[in-house]
């Protein structure tokens, strides 16, 4: 089925465009491959300033909208096709061409309007959902009206060509990468997304602490705790050596709780009475 990029340009005297009263100044169409978005023919621009409004709308009607032509002979592909459709209905009525109803355009004829896709890409917001929001193309708001009043038609023609190229580039991109969504028709396997590679992280080699540094014993204890193995139990002699002496006193003069003992701690524990004689007194 032949698909065509399709757009109609209007001059509006009011604040906002109104296809029922706007002046039709251009009609653009270009045959394309809908599966890839690639152009198959050159862009055609019908210009009212080279003939008339009636002439260009009649040319469009005779080429694509005659009653004997099947609707699949011309499948419009564009952005905001509602404006172009309402303009066709209005101008055919104005110049006594065979009437084209909204039922014929909206219901019977297949079309592809990219506007809902742009709204989806715009996080579901209608405000700002335009073609220039996703491309380097500048907004045409007010510029074409200004150029039409000043009869600067070359700028209008260049802008329409740029708009068609921008639209097709976006359509080609969406067509090329649509499989990344992971959605496929029944009976077909969706293409898998390419594996995402995480950038390598920088790892710094930890310095070993100085042998005399107190951090050495702390790190050894921490490693043993992390590994789940308890630290070895120290003997009484090791515990006695580990206790720091009181400042200004020698170990020999250190006092316990109110008693002075000259017996080493390990020998004192050797002669501690057992449970068998714990209840006897001498």
C-alpha atoms as a PDB file:
ATOM      1  CA  UNK A   1       0.000   0.000   0.000  1.00  0.00           C
ATOM      2  CA  UNK A   2       1.562   3.336  -1.010  1.00  0.00           C
ATOM      3  CA  UNK A   3       2.134   5.642   1.943  1.00  0.00           C
ATOM      4  CA  UNK A   4       2.804   9.348   1.593  1.00  0.00           C
ATOM      5  CA  UNK A   5       4.229  11.959   3.888  1.00  0.00           C
ATOM      6  CA  UNK A   6       1.407  14.505   3.880  1.00  0.00           C
ATOM      7  CA  UNK A   7       0.961  18.040   5.220  1.00  0.00           C
ATOM      8  CA  UNK A   8      -0.940  21.221   4.381  1.00  0.00           C
ATOM      9  CA  UNK A   9       0.150  24.733   5.261  1.00  0.00           C
ATOM     10  CA  UNK A  10      -2.311  27.484   6.036  1.00  0.00           C
ATOM     11  CA  UNK A  11      -2.197  31.217   6.625  1.00  0.00           C
ATOM     12  CA  UNK A  12      -4.308  32.276   9.597  1.00  0.00           C
ATOM     13  CA  UNK A  13      -5.356  35.834  10.280  1.00  0.00           C
ATOM     14  CA  UNK A  14      -6.529  35.045  13.816  1.00  0.00           C
ATOM     15  CA  UNK A  15      -4.513  34.186  16.879  1.00  0.00           C
ATOM     16  CA  UNK A  16      -4.830  30.425  16.357  1.00  0.00           C
ATOM     17  CA  UNK A  17      -5.069  28.279  13.205  1.00  0.00           C
ATOM     18  CA  UNK A  18      -8.596  27.357  12.089  1.00  0.00           C
ATOM     19  CA  UNK A  19      -8.824  25.058   9.039  1.00  0.00           C
ATOM     20  CA  UNK A  20     -12.402  26.176   8.337  1.00  0.00           C
ATOM     21  CA  UNK A  21     -11.328  29.770   7.589  1.00  0.00           C
ATOM     22  CA  UNK A  22      -7.553  29.684   7.085  1.00  0.00           C
ATOM     23  CA  UNK A  23      -6.093  30.362   3.635  1.00  0.00           C
ATOM     24  CA  UNK A  24      -4.513  27.283   2.074  1.00  0.00           C
ATOM     25  CA  UNK A  25      -1.046  28.233   0.783  1.00  0.00           C
ATOM     26  CA  UNK A  26       0.849  24.908   0.434  1.00  0.00           C
ATOM     27  CA  UNK A  27       0.293  21.157   0.081  1.00  0.00           C
ATOM     28  CA  UNK A  28       3.221  18.761   0.612  1.00  0.00           C
ATOM     29  CA  UNK A  29       3.359  15.044  -0.129  1.00  0.00           C
ATOM     30  CA  UNK A  30       6.116  12.503  -0.704  1.00  0.00           C
ATOM     31  CA  UNK A  31       5.927   8.763  -1.313  1.00  0.00           C
ATOM     32  CA  UNK A  32       7.717   6.778   1.398  1.00  0.00           C
ATOM     33  CA  UNK A  33       8.274   3.240   2.614  1.00  0.00           C
ATOM     34  CA  UNK A  34       6.216   3.002   5.790  1.00  0.00           C
ATOM     35  CA  UNK A  35       8.168   0.012   7.135  1.00  0.00           C
ATOM     36  CA  UNK A  36      11.446   1.951   7.186  1.00  0.00           C
ATOM     37  CA  UNK A  37      10.469   5.604   6.744  1.00  0.00           C
ATOM     38  CA  UNK A  38      12.781   5.944   3.747  1.00  0.00           C
ATOM     39  CA  UNK A  39      11.625   8.299   0.948  1.00  0.00           C
ATOM     40  CA  UNK A  40      10.813   6.705  -2.424  1.00  0.00           C
ATOM     41  CA  UNK A  41      10.225   9.931  -4.360  1.00  0.00           C
ATOM     42  CA  UNK A  42      11.120  13.590  -4.103  1.00  0.00           C
ATOM     43  CA  UNK A  43       9.023  15.945  -2.042  1.00  0.00           C
ATOM     44  CA  UNK A  44       6.244  17.685  -3.998  1.00  0.00           C
ATOM     45  CA  UNK A  45       5.120  21.137  -2.824  1.00  0.00           C
ATOM     46  CA  UNK A  46       2.008  22.689  -4.378  1.00  0.00           C
ATOM     47  CA  UNK A  47       2.249  26.462  -3.880  1.00  0.00           C
ATOM     48  CA  UNK A  48      -0.723  28.785  -3.934  1.00  0.00           C
ATOM     49  CA  UNK A  49       1.443  31.818  -4.800  1.00  0.00           C
ATOM     50  CA  UNK A  50       2.413  30.141  -8.077  1.00  0.00           C
ATOM     51  CA  UNK A  51      -1.218  29.401  -9.042  1.00  0.00           C
ATOM     52  CA  UNK A  52      -4.107  29.740  -6.572  1.00  0.00           C
ATOM     53  CA  UNK A  53      -5.735  28.093  -3.588  1.00  0.00           C
ATOM     54  CA  UNK A  54      -8.416  26.546  -5.816  1.00  0.00           C
ATOM     55  CA  UNK A  55      -5.832  25.176  -8.221  1.00  0.00           C
ATOM     56  CA  UNK A  56      -3.724  23.319  -5.663  1.00  0.00           C
ATOM     57  CA  UNK A  57      -6.698  21.783  -3.833  1.00  0.00           C
ATOM     58  CA  UNK A  58      -8.177  20.624  -7.158  1.00  0.00           C
ATOM     59  CA  UNK A  59      -4.850  19.038  -8.096  1.00  0.00           C
ATOM     60  CA  UNK A  60      -4.766  17.171  -4.796  1.00  0.00           C
ATOM     61  CA  UNK A  61      -8.348  15.986  -5.206  1.00  0.00           C
ATOM     62  CA  UNK A  62      -7.852  14.692  -8.744  1.00  0.00           C
ATOM     63  CA  UNK A  63      -4.686  12.851  -7.828  1.00  0.00           C
ATOM     64  CA  UNK A  64      -5.747  11.108  -4.622  1.00  0.00           C
ATOM     65  CA  UNK A  65      -9.408  11.613  -3.670  1.00  0.00           C
ATOM     66  CA  UNK A  66     -11.553  10.765  -6.664  1.00  0.00           C
ATOM     67  CA  UNK A  67     -14.452   8.405  -5.821  1.00  0.00           C
ATOM     68  CA  UNK A  68     -13.218   5.642  -8.148  1.00  0.00           C
ATOM     69  CA  UNK A  69      -9.803   5.531  -6.423  1.00  0.00           C
ATOM     70  CA  UNK A  70      -9.371   2.983  -3.633  1.00  0.00           C
ATOM     71  CA  UNK A  71      -8.549   4.452  -0.249  1.00  0.00           C
ATOM     72  CA  UNK A  72      -5.362   2.370  -0.089  1.00  0.00           C
ATOM     73  CA  UNK A  73      -4.045   4.289  -3.111  1.00  0.00           C
ATOM     74  CA  UNK A  74      -3.101   7.160  -0.809  1.00  0.00           C
ATOM     75  CA  UNK A  75      -2.263   6.550   2.880  1.00  0.00           C
ATOM     76  CA  UNK A  76      -1.364   9.835   4.600  1.00  0.00           C
ATOM     77  CA  UNK A  77       1.513   9.800   7.077  1.00  0.00           C
ATOM     78  CA  UNK A  78       2.163  12.973   9.004  1.00  0.00           C
ATOM     79  CA  UNK A  79       1.927  15.082  12.115  1.00  0.00           C
ATOM     80  CA  UNK A  80      -1.473  16.413  13.273  1.00  0.00           C
ATOM     81  CA  UNK A  81      -3.354  15.190  10.226  1.00  0.00           C
ATOM     82  CA  UNK A  82      -6.635  16.481  11.671  1.00  0.00           C
ATOM     83  CA  UNK A  83      -5.777  19.991  10.487  1.00  0.00           C
ATOM     84  CA  UNK A  84      -5.130  18.790   6.917  1.00  0.00           C
ATOM     85  CA  UNK A  85      -8.299  16.673   6.876  1.00  0.00           C
ATOM     86  CA  UNK A  86     -10.506  19.538   8.040  1.00  0.00           C
ATOM     87  CA  UNK A  87      -8.855  21.816   5.468  1.00  0.00           C
ATOM     88  CA  UNK A  88      -9.686  19.337   2.667  1.00  0.00           C
ATOM     89  CA  UNK A  89     -13.336  19.161   3.754  1.00  0.00           C
ATOM     90  CA  UNK A  90     -13.564  22.958   3.934  1.00  0.00           C
ATOM     91  CA  UNK A  91     -11.882  23.706   0.594  1.00  0.00           C
ATOM     92  CA  UNK A  92     -13.763  21.026  -1.391  1.00  0.00           C
ATOM     93  CA  UNK A  93     -17.006  22.553  -0.178  1.00  0.00           C
ATOM     94  CA  UNK A  94     -15.781  26.071  -0.969  1.00  0.00           C
ATOM     95  CA  UNK A  95     -14.847  25.273  -4.603  1.00  0.00           C
ATOM     96  CA  UNK A  96     -17.793  22.941  -5.332  1.00  0.00           C
ATOM     97  CA  UNK A  97     -15.692  19.831  -5.617  1.00  0.00           C
ATOM     98  CA  UNK A  98     -17.357  16.456  -4.874  1.00  0.00           C
ATOM     99  CA  UNK A  99     -17.928  16.457  -1.145  1.00  0.00           C
ATOM    100  CA  UNK A 100     -15.522  14.548   1.066  1.00  0.00           C
ATOM    101  CA  UNK A 101     -17.045  13.723   4.430  1.00  0.00           C
ATOM    102  CA  UNK A 102     -15.287  13.267   7.738  1.00  0.00           C
ATOM    103  CA  UNK A 103     -16.553   9.679   7.746  1.00  0.00           C
ATOM    104  CA  UNK A 104     -14.653   8.998   4.534  1.00  0.00           C
ATOM    105  CA  UNK A 105     -11.456  10.539   5.849  1.00  0.00           C
ATOM    106  CA  UNK A 106     -11.387   9.463   9.487  1.00  0.00           C
ATOM    107  CA  UNK A 107     -13.187   6.131   9.325  1.00  0.00           C
ATOM    108  CA  UNK A 108     -12.727   4.612   5.862  1.00  0.00           C
ATOM    109  CA  UNK A 109      -9.237   5.785   4.955  1.00  0.00           C
ATOM    110  CA  UNK A 110      -6.161   4.335   6.736  1.00  0.00           C
ATOM    111  CA  UNK A 111      -3.665   6.866   8.012  1.00  0.00           C
ATOM    112  CA  UNK A 112      -0.684   7.125  10.326  1.00  0.00           C
ATOM    113  CA  UNK A 113      -0.480  10.170  12.572  1.00  0.00           C
ATOM    114  CA  UNK A 114       2.695  10.526  14.589  1.00  0.00           C
ATOM    115  CA  UNK A 115       1.159  13.017  17.054  1.00  0.00           C
ATOM    116  CA  UNK A 116       0.090  10.404  19.685  1.00  0.00           C
ATOM    117  CA  UNK A 117       3.582   8.879  19.584  1.00  0.00           C
ATOM    118  CA  UNK A 118       5.101  12.316  20.239  1.00  0.00           C
ATOM    119  CA  UNK A 119       2.761  12.745  23.217  1.00  0.00           C
ATOM    120  CA  UNK A 120       3.958   9.397  24.574  1.00  0.00           C
ATOM    121  CA  UNK A 121       7.605  10.419  24.114  1.00  0.00           C
ATOM    122  CA  UNK A 122       6.770  13.694  25.875  1.00  0.00           C
ATOM    123  CA  UNK A 123       5.925  11.787  29.090  1.00  0.00           C
ATOM    124  CA  UNK A 124       2.210  11.821  28.281  1.00  0.00           C
ATOM    125  CA  UNK A 125       1.996  15.628  28.183  1.00  0.00           C
ATOM    126  CA  UNK A 126       0.256  17.376  25.273  1.00  0.00           C
ATOM    127  CA  UNK A 127       1.902  20.709  26.026  1.00  0.00           C
ATOM    128  CA  UNK A 128       5.203  20.819  24.160  1.00  0.00           C
ATOM    129  CA  UNK A 129       4.488  17.629  22.182  1.00  0.00           C
ATOM    130  CA  UNK A 130       5.724  18.927  18.840  1.00  0.00           C
ATOM    131  CA  UNK A 131       8.194  17.828  16.206  1.00  0.00           C
ATOM    132  CA  UNK A 132      10.752  20.501  17.085  1.00  0.00           C
ATOM    133  CA  UNK A 133      10.878  19.233  20.703  1.00  0.00           C
ATOM    134  CA  UNK A 134      12.668  16.082  19.514  1.00  0.00           C
ATOM    135  CA  UNK A 135      14.838  17.511  16.750  1.00  0.00           C
ATOM    136  CA  UNK A 136      16.994  20.477  15.835  1.00  0.00           C
ATOM    137  CA  UNK A 137      14.116  21.955  13.840  1.00  0.00           C
ATOM    138  CA  UNK A 138      12.924  25.395  14.963  1.00  0.00           C
ATOM    139  CA  UNK A 139       9.294  26.080  15.684  1.00  0.00           C
ATOM    140  CA  UNK A 140       7.287  27.490  12.771  1.00  0.00           C
ATOM    141  CA  UNK A 141       4.836  29.319  15.014  1.00  0.00           C
ATOM    142  CA  UNK A 142       4.238  32.747  13.445  1.00  0.00           C
ATOM    143  CA  UNK A 143       7.187  32.561  11.056  1.00  0.00           C
ATOM    144  CA  UNK A 144       5.284  31.321   7.984  1.00  0.00           C
ATOM    145  CA  UNK A 145       2.606  33.978   8.475  1.00  0.00           C
ATOM    146  CA  UNK A 146       5.292  36.634   8.637  1.00  0.00           C
ATOM    147  CA  UNK A 147       7.063  35.374   5.513  1.00  0.00           C
ATOM    148  CA  UNK A 148       3.782  35.047   3.613  1.00  0.00           C
ATOM    149  CA  UNK A 149       2.888  38.675   4.382  1.00  0.00           C
ATOM    150  CA  UNK A 150       6.338  39.827   3.255  1.00  0.00           C
ATOM    151  CA  UNK A 151       6.184  37.467   0.210  1.00  0.00           C
ATOM    152  CA  UNK A 152       9.393  35.765   1.277  1.00  0.00           C
ATOM    153  CA  UNK A 153       8.321  32.483  -0.332  1.00  0.00           C
ATOM    154  CA  UNK A 154      11.818  30.994  -0.556  1.00  0.00           C
ATOM    155  CA  UNK A 155      12.023  30.812   3.242  1.00  0.00           C
ATOM    156  CA  UNK A 156       8.624  29.132   3.390  1.00  0.00           C
ATOM    157  CA  UNK A 157       9.695  26.540   0.848  1.00  0.00           C
ATOM    158  CA  UNK A 158      12.964  25.850   2.673  1.00  0.00           C
ATOM    159  CA  UNK A 159      11.139  25.471   6.002  1.00  0.00           C
ATOM    160  CA  UNK A 160       8.657  22.986   4.511  1.00  0.00           C
ATOM    161  CA  UNK A 161      11.501  20.890   3.109  1.00  0.00           C
ATOM    162  CA  UNK A 162      13.286  20.934   6.457  1.00  0.00           C
ATOM    163  CA  UNK A 163      10.071  19.908   8.215  1.00  0.00           C
ATOM    164  CA  UNK A 164       9.603  16.921   5.877  1.00  0.00           C
ATOM    165  CA  UNK A 165      13.207  15.767   6.362  1.00  0.00           C
ATOM    166  CA  UNK A 166      12.946  16.103  10.140  1.00  0.00           C
ATOM    167  CA  UNK A 167       9.721  14.121  10.226  1.00  0.00           C
ATOM    168  CA  UNK A 168      11.188  11.290   8.124  1.00  0.00           C
ATOM    169  CA  UNK A 169      14.345  11.128  10.240  1.00  0.00           C
ATOM    170  CA  UNK A 170      12.272  10.671  13.385  1.00  0.00           C
ATOM    171  CA  UNK A 171      10.097   8.075  11.662  1.00  0.00           C
ATOM    172  CA  UNK A 172      13.196   6.199  10.479  1.00  0.00           C
ATOM    173  CA  UNK A 173      14.679   6.221  13.973  1.00  0.00           C
ATOM    174  CA  UNK A 174      11.489   4.875  15.563  1.00  0.00           C
ATOM    175  CA  UNK A 175      11.180   2.208  12.881  1.00  0.00           C
ATOM    176  CA  UNK A 176      14.798   1.109  13.269  1.00  0.00           C
ATOM    177  CA  UNK A 177      14.845   0.840  17.059  1.00  0.00           C
ATOM    178  CA  UNK A 178      11.280  -0.274  17.774  1.00  0.00           C
ATOM    179  CA  UNK A 179      12.481  -3.803  18.617  1.00  0.00           C
ATOM    180  CA  UNK A 180      14.334  -2.456  21.663  1.00  0.00           C
ATOM    181  CA  UNK A 181      10.996  -2.176  23.411  1.00  0.00           C
ATOM    182  CA  UNK A 182      10.885  -5.967  23.576  1.00  0.00           C
ATOM    183  CA  UNK A 183       7.360  -6.074  22.142  1.00  0.00           C
ATOM    184  CA  UNK A 184       6.566  -8.470  19.326  1.00  0.00           C
ATOM    185  CA  UNK A 185       3.507  -9.806  17.536  1.00  0.00           C
ATOM    186  CA  UNK A 186       2.136 -13.197  18.470  1.00  0.00           C
ATOM    187  CA  UNK A 187       4.189 -15.992  16.947  1.00  0.00           C
ATOM    188  CA  UNK A 188       7.327 -13.857  16.694  1.00  0.00           C
ATOM    189  CA  UNK A 189      10.178 -13.531  19.123  1.00  0.00           C
ATOM    190  CA  UNK A 190      11.050 -10.065  20.303  1.00  0.00           C
ATOM    191  CA  UNK A 191      14.632  -9.035  19.821  1.00  0.00           C
ATOM    192  CA  UNK A 192      16.544  -9.026  23.033  1.00  0.00           C
ATOM    193  CA  UNK A 193      17.967  -5.793  24.256  1.00  0.00           C
ATOM    194  CA  UNK A 194      21.752  -5.590  24.090  1.00  0.00           C
ATOM    195  CA  UNK A 195      23.439  -6.304  27.389  1.00  0.00           C
ATOM    196  CA  UNK A 196      24.205  -3.120  29.225  1.00  0.00           C
ATOM    197  CA  UNK A 197      27.813  -2.817  30.247  1.00  0.00           C
ATOM    198  CA  UNK A 198      28.607  -0.938  33.421  1.00  0.00           C
ATOM    199  CA  UNK A 199      31.683   1.264  33.323  1.00  0.00           C
ATOM    200  CA  UNK A 200      34.644  -0.166  35.257  1.00  0.00           C
ATOM    201  CA  UNK A 201      35.027   1.231  38.739  1.00  0.00           C
ATOM    202  CA  UNK A 202      38.355   2.379  40.018  1.00  0.00           C
ATOM    203  CA  UNK A 203      39.729   0.160  42.786  1.00  0.00           C
ATOM    204  CA  UNK A 204      42.466   1.485  45.019  1.00  0.00           C
ATOM    205  CA  UNK A 205      44.898  -0.948  46.617  1.00  0.00           C
ATOM    206  CA  UNK A 206      44.814  -0.657  50.376  1.00  0.00           C
ATOM    207  CA  UNK A 207      48.110   0.181  52.022  1.00  0.00           C
ATOM    208  CA  UNK A 208      49.465  -2.171  54.644  1.00  0.00           C
ATOM    209  CA  UNK A 209      49.914  -0.339  57.978  1.00  0.00           C
ATOM    210  CA  UNK A 210      53.298   0.207  59.570  1.00  0.00           C
ATOM    211  CA  UNK A 211      54.467  -2.777  61.681  1.00  0.00           C
ATOM    212  CA  UNK A 212      54.665  -0.596  64.806  1.00  0.00           C
ATOM    213  CA  UNK A 213      51.367   1.109  64.149  1.00  0.00           C
ATOM    214  CA  UNK A 214      48.454   0.290  66.532  1.00  0.00           C
ATOM    215  CA  UNK A 215      46.242  -0.108  63.483  1.00  0.00           C
ATOM    216  CA  UNK A 216      47.912  -3.465  62.769  1.00  0.00           C
ATOM    217  CA  UNK A 217      46.390  -5.270  65.734  1.00  0.00           C
ATOM    218  CA  UNK A 218      43.034  -3.579  65.161  1.00  0.00           C
ATOM    219  CA  UNK A 219      42.927  -4.749  61.539  1.00  0.00           C
ATOM    220  CA  UNK A 220      43.877  -8.316  62.537  1.00  0.00           C
ATOM    221  CA  UNK A 221      41.077  -8.388  65.096  1.00  0.00           C
ATOM    222  CA  UNK A 222      38.618  -7.001  62.554  1.00  0.00           C
ATOM    223  CA  UNK A 223      39.606  -9.630  59.981  1.00  0.00           C
ATOM    224  CA  UNK A 224      39.108 -12.415  62.491  1.00  0.00           C
ATOM    225  CA  UNK A 225      35.687 -11.052  63.395  1.00  0.00           C
ATOM    226  CA  UNK A 226      34.678 -10.776  59.740  1.00  0.00           C
ATOM    227  CA  UNK A 227      35.792 -14.329  59.025  1.00  0.00           C
ATOM    228  CA  UNK A 228      33.670 -15.712  61.846  1.00  0.00           C
ATOM    229  CA  UNK A 229      36.631 -17.262  63.758  1.00  0.00           C
ATOM    230  CA  UNK A 230      36.992 -16.155  67.392  1.00  0.00           C
ATOM    231  CA  UNK A 231      40.265 -14.678  68.571  1.00  0.00           C
ATOM    232  CA  UNK A 232      42.542 -17.110  70.552  1.00  0.00           C
ATOM    233  CA  UNK A 233      42.100 -16.953  74.307  1.00  0.00           C
ATOM    234  CA  UNK A 234      45.011 -15.345  76.104  1.00  0.00           C
ATOM    235  CA  UNK A 235      46.680 -16.914  79.113  1.00  0.00           C
ATOM    236  CA  UNK A 236      46.750 -15.275  82.528  1.00  0.00           C
ATOM    237  CA  UNK A 237      50.382 -14.352  82.049  1.00  0.00           C
ATOM    238  CA  UNK A 238      49.595 -12.651  78.755  1.00  0.00           C
ATOM    239  CA  UNK A 239      46.703 -10.769  80.340  1.00  0.00           C
ATOM    240  CA  UNK A 240      48.953  -9.627  83.170  1.00  0.00           C
ATOM    241  CA  UNK A 241      51.560  -8.372  80.743  1.00  0.00           C
ATOM    242  CA  UNK A 242      48.908  -6.639  78.657  1.00  0.00           C
ATOM    243  CA  UNK A 243      47.762  -4.487  81.624  1.00  0.00           C
ATOM    244  CA  UNK A 244      49.654  -1.188  81.513  1.00  0.00           C
ATOM    245  CA  UNK A 245      51.380  -0.168  84.759  1.00  0.00           C
ATOM    246  CA  UNK A 246      50.162   2.852  86.698  1.00  0.00           C
ATOM    247  CA  UNK A 247      52.072   6.044  85.852  1.00  0.00           C
ATOM    248  CA  UNK A 248      54.930   6.793  88.284  1.00  0.00           C
ATOM    249  CA  UNK A 249      54.873   3.370  89.919  1.00  0.00           C
ATOM    250  CA  UNK A 250      56.811   0.245  89.169  1.00  0.00           C
ATOM    251  CA  UNK A 251      55.000  -3.083  88.619  1.00  0.00           C
ATOM    252  CA  UNK A 252      56.439  -4.404  91.903  1.00  0.00           C
ATOM    253  CA  UNK A 253      54.754  -1.624  93.913  1.00  0.00           C
ATOM    254  CA  UNK A 254      51.353  -1.913  92.251  1.00  0.00           C
ATOM    255  CA  UNK A 255      48.496  -2.608  94.635  1.00  0.00           C
ATOM    256  CA  UNK A 256      45.424  -4.681  94.287  1.00  0.00           C
ATOM    257  CA  UNK A 257      42.194  -3.881  96.060  1.00  0.00           C
ATOM    258  CA  UNK A 258      43.636  -3.130  99.534  1.00  0.00           C
ATOM    259  CA  UNK A 259      46.121  -6.075  99.532  1.00  0.00           C
ATOM    260  CA  UNK A 260      49.776  -6.451  98.648  1.00  0.00           C
ATOM    261  CA  UNK A 261      50.761  -9.721  97.017  1.00  0.00           C
ATOM    262  CA  UNK A 262      54.278 -10.844  96.198  1.00  0.00           C
ATOM    263  CA  UNK A 263      53.100 -14.084  94.633  1.00  0.00           C
ATOM    264  CA  UNK A 264      52.838 -14.131  90.865  1.00  0.00           C
ATOM    265  CA  UNK A 265      49.328 -14.284  89.564  1.00  0.00           C
ATOM    266  CA  UNK A 266      49.784 -17.623  87.790  1.00  0.00           C
ATOM    267  CA  UNK A 267      51.160 -19.320  90.940  1.00  0.00           C
ATOM    268  CA  UNK A 268      48.348 -17.900  93.027  1.00  0.00           C
ATOM    269  CA  UNK A 269      45.767 -19.478  90.768  1.00  0.00           C
ATOM    270  CA  UNK A 270      47.549 -22.846  90.886  1.00  0.00           C
ATOM    271  CA  UNK A 271      46.971 -23.091  94.697  1.00  0.00           C
ATOM    272  CA  UNK A 272      43.377 -21.918  94.613  1.00  0.00           C
ATOM    273  CA  UNK A 273      41.272 -24.406  96.607  1.00  0.00           C
ATOM    274  CA  UNK A 274      39.077 -26.704  94.551  1.00  0.00           C
ATOM    275  CA  UNK A 275      35.354 -27.139  94.928  1.00  0.00           C
ATOM    276  CA  UNK A 276      35.934 -30.163  97.158  1.00  0.00           C
ATOM    277  CA  UNK A 277      37.478 -28.064  99.989  1.00  0.00           C
ATOM    278  CA  UNK A 278      35.555 -24.860  99.264  1.00  0.00           C
ATOM    279  CA  UNK A 279      33.267 -25.252 102.287  1.00  0.00           C
ATOM    280  CA  UNK A 280      35.980 -26.030 104.951  1.00  0.00           C
ATOM    281  CA  UNK A 281      37.633 -23.423 107.113  1.00  0.00           C
ATOM    282  CA  UNK A 282      40.939 -23.770 108.913  1.00  0.00           C
END
